[in-house]
Amino acid sequence: VQLQASGGGLVQAPASPRLSCVASGIILSFYDMGWYRQAPGKQRESVARISKDGIRNYEDSVKGRFTISRDNAKNTVYLQMNSLKPEDTAVYYCNALQSSWGRDYWGQGTQVTVSS
């Protein structure tokens, strides 16, 4: 199983990049998907999640700025990030969860650095 995240990099506020996470070795439609991030010296936190049924949840600081979506036909989940701020700087990780089967997969992460 592999979750390949891409789309990060060095951007200037208030940029609007889109992260992509392409899954291989699993059928995305069976999984709840999420984006997490970890800033230097901080714990990993949930940013956005989308269930198998398309229900979305967001961390408070990104509500109204970030949008998570999924394309099961492409086995891909996206994170559209708008109005980025320096405090959004972190490594962003993709997660695939199928709790009924005890399956929990993580991608390698993509660095997003936002300069002011």
C-alpha atoms as a PDB file:
ATOM      1  CA  VAL A   1       0.000   0.000   0.000  1.00  0.00           C
ATOM      2  CA  GLN A   2       1.296   3.423  -0.903  1.00  0.00           C
ATOM      3  CA  LEU A   3      -0.114   6.899  -0.400  1.00  0.00           C
ATOM      4  CA  GLN A   4       1.816   9.358  -2.531  1.00  0.00           C
ATOM      5  CA  ALA A   5       1.292  12.982  -1.526  1.00  0.00           C
ATOM      6  CA  SER A   6       2.339  15.868  -3.719  1.00  0.00           C
ATOM      7  CA  GLY A   7       1.687  19.550  -4.264  1.00  0.00           C
ATOM      8  CA  GLY A   8       3.628  21.027  -1.402  1.00  0.00           C
ATOM      9  CA  GLY A   9       6.494  23.455  -1.576  1.00  0.00           C
ATOM     10  CA  LEU A  10       7.474  26.987  -0.685  1.00  0.00           C
ATOM     11  CA  VAL A  11       4.659  29.454  -1.230  1.00  0.00           C
ATOM     12  CA  GLN A  12       3.939  33.022  -0.270  1.00  0.00           C
ATOM     13  CA  ALA A  13       0.869  33.990   1.714  1.00  0.00           C
ATOM     14  CA  PRO A  14      -1.955  34.063   0.708  1.00  0.00           C
ATOM     15  CA  ALA A  15      -1.280  31.305  -1.845  1.00  0.00           C
ATOM     16  CA  SER A  16      -3.823  28.637  -2.804  1.00  0.00           C
ATOM     17  CA  PRO A  17      -2.071  25.378  -3.633  1.00  0.00           C
ATOM     18  CA  ARG A  18      -3.730  22.003  -3.908  1.00  0.00           C
ATOM     19  CA  LEU A  19      -2.332  18.856  -2.377  1.00  0.00           C
ATOM     20  CA  SER A  20      -2.984  15.482  -3.970  1.00  0.00           C
ATOM     21  CA  CYS A  21      -2.708  12.017  -2.498  1.00  0.00           C
ATOM     22  CA  VAL A  22      -2.751   9.089  -4.894  1.00  0.00           C
ATOM     23  CA  ALA A  23      -3.399   5.712  -3.311  1.00  0.00           C
ATOM     24  CA  SER A  24      -2.137   2.437  -4.684  1.00  0.00           C
ATOM     25  CA  GLY A  25      -2.730  -1.050  -3.309  1.00  0.00           C
ATOM     26  CA  ILE A  26      -6.125  -0.147  -1.859  1.00  0.00           C
ATOM     27  CA  ILE A  27      -9.547   0.715  -3.212  1.00  0.00           C
ATOM     28  CA  LEU A  28     -10.092   4.260  -2.027  1.00  0.00           C
ATOM     29  CA  SER A  29     -13.873   4.005  -1.927  1.00  0.00           C
ATOM     30  CA  PHE A  30     -13.644   1.607   1.036  1.00  0.00           C
ATOM     31  CA  TYR A  31     -11.678   4.075   3.150  1.00  0.00           C
ATOM     32  CA  ASP A  32     -12.217   7.205   5.171  1.00  0.00           C
ATOM     33  CA  MET A  33      -9.535   9.638   4.062  1.00  0.00           C
ATOM     34  CA  GLY A  34      -7.823  12.472   5.825  1.00  0.00           C
ATOM     35  CA  TRP A  35      -5.116  15.068   5.769  1.00  0.00           C
ATOM     36  CA  TYR A  36      -3.004  15.682   8.842  1.00  0.00           C
ATOM     37  CA  ARG A  37      -0.138  18.059   9.468  1.00  0.00           C
ATOM     38  CA  GLN A  38       2.785  18.337  11.806  1.00  0.00           C
ATOM     39  CA  ALA A  39       4.594  21.587  12.409  1.00  0.00           C
ATOM     40  CA  PRO A  40       8.093  21.684  13.928  1.00  0.00           C
ATOM     41  CA  GLY A  41       7.965  20.979  17.646  1.00  0.00           C
ATOM     42  CA  LYS A  42       4.255  20.197  17.588  1.00  0.00           C
ATOM     43  CA  GLN A  43       2.140  17.063  17.556  1.00  0.00           C
ATOM     44  CA  ARG A  44       0.507  15.806  14.404  1.00  0.00           C
ATOM     45  CA  GLU A  45      -3.018  17.163  14.079  1.00  0.00           C
ATOM     46  CA  SER A  46      -5.995  16.394  11.919  1.00  0.00           C
ATOM     47  CA  VAL A  47      -6.668  19.045   9.279  1.00  0.00           C
ATOM     48  CA  ALA A  48      -9.534  17.632   7.246  1.00  0.00           C
ATOM     49  CA  ARG A  49     -11.293  14.316   6.852  1.00  0.00           C
ATOM     50  CA  ILE A  50     -13.771  12.937   4.357  1.00  0.00           C
ATOM     51  CA  SER A  51     -15.676   9.742   4.997  1.00  0.00           C
ATOM     52  CA  LYS A  52     -16.486   7.004   2.526  1.00  0.00           C
ATOM     53  CA  ASP A  53     -19.907   8.658   2.229  1.00  0.00           C
ATOM     54  CA  GLY A  54     -18.465  12.105   1.552  1.00  0.00           C
ATOM     55  CA  ILE A  55     -19.018  13.641   4.980  1.00  0.00           C
ATOM     56  CA  ARG A  56     -16.372  16.275   5.665  1.00  0.00           C
ATOM     57  CA  ASN A  57     -14.849  17.497   8.909  1.00  0.00           C
ATOM     58  CA  TYR A  58     -12.314  20.284   9.377  1.00  0.00           C
ATOM     59  CA  GLU A  59     -10.031  21.538  12.085  1.00  0.00           C
ATOM     60  CA  ASP A  60     -11.295  24.912  13.298  1.00  0.00           C
ATOM     61  CA  SER A  61      -8.343  26.966  12.054  1.00  0.00           C
ATOM     62  CA  VAL A  62      -8.821  25.840   8.449  1.00  0.00           C
ATOM     63  CA  LYS A  63     -12.608  25.983   8.197  1.00  0.00           C
ATOM     64  CA  GLY A  64     -13.614  28.199   5.307  1.00  0.00           C
ATOM     65  CA  ARG A  65     -10.101  28.105   3.812  1.00  0.00           C
ATOM     66  CA  PHE A  66      -9.408  24.424   3.098  1.00  0.00           C
ATOM     67  CA  THR A  67     -11.557  21.961   1.179  1.00  0.00           C
ATOM     68  CA  ILE A  68     -11.067  18.210   1.120  1.00  0.00           C
ATOM     69  CA  SER A  69     -12.416  16.167  -1.760  1.00  0.00           C
ATOM     70  CA  ARG A  70     -12.024  12.714  -3.206  1.00  0.00           C
ATOM     71  CA  ASP A  71     -12.143  11.119  -6.639  1.00  0.00           C
ATOM     72  CA  ASN A  72     -12.604   7.418  -6.107  1.00  0.00           C
ATOM     73  CA  ALA A  73     -12.258   6.696  -9.808  1.00  0.00           C
ATOM     74  CA  LYS A  74      -8.744   8.140  -9.673  1.00  0.00           C
ATOM     75  CA  ASN A  75      -8.009   6.701  -6.220  1.00  0.00           C
ATOM     76  CA  THR A  76      -7.067  10.223  -5.201  1.00  0.00           C
ATOM     77  CA  VAL A  77      -7.892  12.609  -2.386  1.00  0.00           C
ATOM     78  CA  TYR A  78      -7.250  16.344  -2.583  1.00  0.00           C
ATOM     79  CA  LEU A  79      -6.788  19.218  -0.194  1.00  0.00           C
ATOM     80  CA  GLN A  80      -7.461  22.621  -1.693  1.00  0.00           C
ATOM     81  CA  MET A  81      -5.813  25.185   0.538  1.00  0.00           C
ATOM     82  CA  ASN A  82      -6.781  28.827   0.145  1.00  0.00           C
ATOM     83  CA  SER A  83      -5.497  31.945   1.840  1.00  0.00           C
ATOM     84  CA  LEU A  84      -2.508  30.190   3.332  1.00  0.00           C
ATOM     85  CA  LYS A  85      -0.866  31.719   6.362  1.00  0.00           C
ATOM     86  CA  PRO A  86       2.646  31.239   7.768  1.00  0.00           C
ATOM     87  CA  GLU A  87       1.115  29.250  10.637  1.00  0.00           C
ATOM     88  CA  ASP A  88      -0.049  26.660   8.094  1.00  0.00           C
ATOM     89  CA  THR A  89       3.588  25.702   7.570  1.00  0.00           C
ATOM     90  CA  ALA A  90       3.957  21.985   8.281  1.00  0.00           C
ATOM     91  CA  VAL A  91       4.480  18.588   6.765  1.00  0.00           C
ATOM     92  CA  TYR A  92       1.120  17.425   5.447  1.00  0.00           C
ATOM     93  CA  TYR A  93       0.302  13.725   5.575  1.00  0.00           C
ATOM     94  CA  CYS A  94      -2.380  11.712   3.839  1.00  0.00           C
ATOM     95  CA  ASN A  95      -4.206   9.009   5.804  1.00  0.00           C
ATOM     96  CA  ALA A  96      -6.458   6.131   4.762  1.00  0.00           C
ATOM     97  CA  LEU A  97      -8.549   4.501   7.477  1.00  0.00           C
ATOM     98  CA  GLN A  98     -10.791   1.470   7.375  1.00  0.00           C
ATOM     99  CA  SER A  99     -11.450   0.892  11.066  1.00  0.00           C
ATOM    100  CA  SER A 100     -13.688  -2.148  10.557  1.00  0.00           C
ATOM    101  CA  TRP A 101     -10.769  -3.983   9.033  1.00  0.00           C
ATOM    102  CA  GLY A 102      -8.114  -2.465  11.259  1.00  0.00           C
ATOM    103  CA  ARG A 103      -6.419  -0.832   8.293  1.00  0.00           C
ATOM    104  CA  ASP A 104      -4.656   2.498   8.865  1.00  0.00           C
ATOM    105  CA  TYR A 105      -2.214   3.749   6.261  1.00  0.00           C
ATOM    106  CA  TRP A 106      -0.049   6.872   6.080  1.00  0.00           C
ATOM    107  CA  GLY A 107       1.711   8.620   3.256  1.00  0.00           C
ATOM    108  CA  GLN A 108       5.238   9.963   3.442  1.00  0.00           C
ATOM    109  CA  GLY A 109       4.187  13.590   3.796  1.00  0.00           C
ATOM    110  CA  THR A 110       4.715  16.698   1.736  1.00  0.00           C
ATOM    111  CA  GLN A 111       6.256  19.859   3.118  1.00  0.00           C
ATOM    112  CA  VAL A 112       4.290  23.087   2.853  1.00  0.00           C
ATOM    113  CA  THR A 113       6.178  26.242   3.815  1.00  0.00           C
ATOM    114  CA  VAL A 114       4.334  29.539   3.789  1.00  0.00           C
ATOM    115  CA  SER A 115       6.296  32.771   3.843  1.00  0.00           C
ATOM    116  CA  SER A 116       4.739  36.078   4.794  1.00  0.00           C
END
